[in-house]
């Protein structure tokens, strides 16, 4: 597992993406509380139910 990298998010051609048996996770520098996870999930769930692209979805154009 790789969580902290010299460049975040790694460039699409960075070697770390092709390493065998490696999972890259998003780096978060803050504490995550159950209530916050639930709030974010419900926000995304509500967006999906209304056929709206979730505002918390991955933004591929930004590289993460």
C-alpha atoms as a PDB file:
ATOM      1  CA  UNK A   1       0.000   0.000   0.000  1.00  0.00           C
ATOM      2  CA  UNK A   2       1.233   3.467  -0.895  1.00  0.00           C
ATOM      3  CA  UNK A   3      -0.442   6.409   0.779  1.00  0.00           C
ATOM      4  CA  UNK A   4       2.049   9.284   0.677  1.00  0.00           C
ATOM      5  CA  UNK A   5       3.944   9.993  -2.534  1.00  0.00           C
ATOM      6  CA  UNK A   6       6.402  12.712  -3.567  1.00  0.00           C
ATOM      7  CA  UNK A   7       3.853  14.011  -6.089  1.00  0.00           C
ATOM      8  CA  UNK A   8       0.126  13.815  -5.346  1.00  0.00           C
ATOM      9  CA  UNK A   9      -1.639  12.797  -7.419  1.00  0.00           C
ATOM     10  CA  UNK A  10       1.048  10.888  -9.310  1.00  0.00           C
ATOM     11  CA  UNK A  11       1.318  11.652 -13.006  1.00  0.00           C
ATOM     12  CA  UNK A  12      -0.501   9.172 -15.270  1.00  0.00           C
ATOM     13  CA  UNK A  13       2.857   7.836 -16.491  1.00  0.00           C
ATOM     14  CA  UNK A  14       4.438   7.563 -12.998  1.00  0.00           C
ATOM     15  CA  UNK A  15       6.127   4.222 -12.347  1.00  0.00           C
ATOM     16  CA  UNK A  16       4.118   3.617  -9.152  1.00  0.00           C
ATOM     17  CA  UNK A  17       0.959   2.889 -11.203  1.00  0.00           C
ATOM     18  CA  UNK A  18       2.568  -0.184 -12.791  1.00  0.00           C
ATOM     19  CA  UNK A  19       4.256  -1.711  -9.737  1.00  0.00           C
ATOM     20  CA  UNK A  20       3.110  -5.299  -9.117  1.00  0.00           C
ATOM     21  CA  UNK A  21       0.953  -6.004  -6.044  1.00  0.00           C
ATOM     22  CA  UNK A  22       0.730  -2.295  -5.137  1.00  0.00           C
ATOM     23  CA  UNK A  23      -2.401  -0.381  -4.193  1.00  0.00           C
ATOM     24  CA  UNK A  24      -2.286   3.405  -4.183  1.00  0.00           C
ATOM     25  CA  UNK A  25      -4.634   5.118  -1.764  1.00  0.00           C
ATOM     26  CA  UNK A  26      -5.640   8.747  -1.569  1.00  0.00           C
ATOM     27  CA  UNK A  27      -3.653  10.633   1.030  1.00  0.00           C
ATOM     28  CA  UNK A  28      -5.725  12.397   3.634  1.00  0.00           C
ATOM     29  CA  UNK A  29      -3.987  14.423   6.306  1.00  0.00           C
ATOM     30  CA  UNK A  30      -6.961  14.762   8.620  1.00  0.00           C
ATOM     31  CA  UNK A  31      -8.952  12.664  11.028  1.00  0.00           C
ATOM     32  CA  UNK A  32     -12.016  10.965   9.562  1.00  0.00           C
ATOM     33  CA  UNK A  33     -15.005  10.469  11.820  1.00  0.00           C
ATOM     34  CA  UNK A  34     -17.874   8.050  11.212  1.00  0.00           C
ATOM     35  CA  UNK A  35     -20.376  10.914  11.107  1.00  0.00           C
ATOM     36  CA  UNK A  36     -18.419  12.659   8.345  1.00  0.00           C
ATOM     37  CA  UNK A  37     -18.204   9.481   6.269  1.00  0.00           C
ATOM     38  CA  UNK A  38     -21.949   9.004   6.621  1.00  0.00           C
ATOM     39  CA  UNK A  39     -22.645  12.622   5.646  1.00  0.00           C
ATOM     40  CA  UNK A  40     -20.478  12.323   2.545  1.00  0.00           C
ATOM     41  CA  UNK A  41     -22.077   9.008   1.593  1.00  0.00           C
ATOM     42  CA  UNK A  42     -25.584  10.403   1.994  1.00  0.00           C
ATOM     43  CA  UNK A  43     -24.665  13.478  -0.050  1.00  0.00           C
ATOM     44  CA  UNK A  44     -23.449  11.257  -2.905  1.00  0.00           C
ATOM     45  CA  UNK A  45     -26.420   8.904  -2.535  1.00  0.00           C
ATOM     46  CA  UNK A  46     -28.867  11.807  -2.774  1.00  0.00           C
ATOM     47  CA  UNK A  47     -27.099  13.130  -5.878  1.00  0.00           C
ATOM     48  CA  UNK A  48     -27.267   9.708  -7.543  1.00  0.00           C
ATOM     49  CA  UNK A  49     -30.958   9.313  -6.699  1.00  0.00           C
ATOM     50  CA  UNK A  50     -31.590  12.646  -8.435  1.00  0.00           C
ATOM     51  CA  UNK A  51     -29.466  11.557 -11.424  1.00  0.00           C
ATOM     52  CA  UNK A  52     -26.838  14.206 -10.599  1.00  0.00           C
ATOM     53  CA  UNK A  53     -23.117  13.510 -10.866  1.00  0.00           C
ATOM     54  CA  UNK A  54     -21.929  13.417  -7.229  1.00  0.00           C
ATOM     55  CA  UNK A  55     -19.953  16.504  -6.302  1.00  0.00           C
ATOM     56  CA  UNK A  56     -17.553  14.337  -4.260  1.00  0.00           C
ATOM     57  CA  UNK A  57     -16.786  12.003  -7.177  1.00  0.00           C
ATOM     58  CA  UNK A  58     -13.250  11.506  -8.446  1.00  0.00           C
ATOM     59  CA  UNK A  59     -12.228  14.322 -10.772  1.00  0.00           C
ATOM     60  CA  UNK A  60     -10.263  12.497 -13.466  1.00  0.00           C
ATOM     61  CA  UNK A  61      -9.427  15.738 -15.285  1.00  0.00           C
ATOM     62  CA  UNK A  62      -7.481  16.844 -12.196  1.00  0.00           C
ATOM     63  CA  UNK A  63      -5.600  13.547 -11.987  1.00  0.00           C
ATOM     64  CA  UNK A  64      -7.331  12.164  -8.894  1.00  0.00           C
END
